[in-house]
Amino acid sequence: MSQSNFTPTASTALLNEQETATRIGMSVHWLRRARWAGGGIPFVKMGSGPKAAVRYRPEDADAYVSARVRRSTSDPGKEAA
């Protein structure tokens, strides 16, 4: 087995559910529900089966929030375009 030269840094480290929830200001329950329903933040599943660890890339969490910025309550945002 070859060894990777990849060394995680603060910008590449994966976030767990609690870290991601804190980062975006939502609950872990919301993250789990969004994963189940689809359309939430893209995630990485580490392993297989129901007990597999779920992680999030920081840039995906940030992009999810950025895509939901609105200027007014009637602004449909980029998603509607």
Protein backbone atom coordinates (compact mmCIF):
# COMPACT_ATOMS: atom_id res chain seq x y z
CA MET A 1 0.00 0.00 0.00
CA SER A 2 1.45 3.35 -0.98
CA GLN A 3 1.49 6.22 1.44
CA SER A 4 -0.08 9.53 0.44
CA ASN A 5 1.73 12.84 0.77
CA PHE A 6 -1.55 14.53 1.65
CA THR A 7 -1.37 16.51 4.88
CA PRO A 8 -4.63 18.08 6.05
CA THR A 9 -4.48 21.79 6.79
CA ALA A 10 -7.03 24.13 8.33
CA SER A 11 -8.41 24.84 4.85
CA THR A 12 -8.64 21.19 3.73
CA ALA A 13 -9.64 19.43 6.95
CA LEU A 14 -13.11 17.90 6.89
CA LEU A 15 -15.72 19.09 9.38
CA ASN A 16 -17.89 16.77 11.46
CA GLU A 17 -21.64 17.35 11.88
CA GLN A 18 -21.33 19.54 14.99
CA GLU A 19 -18.60 21.71 13.45
CA THR A 20 -20.62 22.14 10.26
CA ALA A 21 -23.82 22.95 12.13
CA THR A 22 -21.98 25.59 14.18
CA ARG A 23 -20.34 27.01 11.05
CA ILE A 24 -23.67 27.56 9.25
CA GLY A 25 -25.77 28.38 12.32
CA MET A 26 -28.11 25.40 12.06
CA SER A 27 -28.62 22.25 14.14
CA VAL A 28 -27.16 18.79 13.65
CA HIS A 29 -30.76 17.59 13.30
CA TRP A 30 -31.23 19.99 10.38
CA LEU A 31 -28.08 18.64 8.68
CA ARG A 32 -29.30 15.05 9.08
CA ARG A 33 -32.75 15.91 7.75
CA ALA A 34 -31.26 17.79 4.78
CA ARG A 35 -29.02 14.78 3.96
CA TRP A 36 -32.01 12.45 4.10
CA ALA A 37 -34.24 14.71 1.99
CA GLY A 38 -31.53 15.75 -0.47
CA GLY A 39 -30.68 19.28 -1.48
CA GLY A 40 -28.56 20.06 1.58
CA ILE A 41 -24.84 20.61 1.81
CA PRO A 42 -22.78 18.06 -0.16
CA PHE A 43 -21.16 15.58 2.23
CA VAL A 44 -18.50 12.88 2.35
CA LYS A 45 -19.44 9.47 3.69
CA MET A 46 -16.46 7.77 5.31
CA GLY A 47 -17.12 4.04 5.19
CA SER A 48 -20.32 2.16 4.48
CA GLY A 49 -23.45 1.26 6.32
CA PRO A 50 -25.66 3.22 8.71
CA LYS A 51 -22.83 3.92 11.17
CA ALA A 52 -20.44 5.39 8.58
CA ALA A 53 -18.96 8.75 9.54
CA VAL A 54 -20.27 11.79 7.68
CA ARG A 55 -18.00 14.77 7.05
CA TYR A 56 -18.35 18.07 5.23
CA ARG A 57 -15.82 20.11 3.29
CA PRO A 58 -15.59 23.67 4.67
CA GLU A 59 -15.84 25.16 1.17
CA ASP A 60 -19.12 23.30 0.54
CA ALA A 61 -20.63 24.64 3.77
CA ASP A 62 -19.52 28.17 2.91
CA ALA A 63 -20.82 27.89 -0.67
CA TYR A 64 -24.18 26.63 0.62
CA VAL A 65 -24.56 29.70 2.82
CA SER A 66 -23.31 32.11 0.13
CA ALA A 67 -25.84 30.76 -2.38
CA ARG A 68 -28.66 31.69 -0.01
CA VAL A 69 -27.85 35.38 0.46
CA ARG A 70 -30.82 37.60 -0.40
CA ARG A 71 -31.36 41.35 -0.61
CA SER A 72 -35.06 41.24 0.26
CA THR A 73 -37.77 38.74 1.21
CA SER A 74 -39.03 38.82 -2.38
CA ASP A 75 -35.59 38.06 -3.86
CA PRO A 76 -35.79 34.51 -5.31
CA GLY A 77 -32.00 34.25 -5.42
CA LYS A 78 -29.79 32.54 -7.95
CA GLU A 79 -31.44 29.16 -7.36
CA ALA A 80 -34.67 30.33 -9.03
CA ALA A 81 -32.93 31.61 -12.15
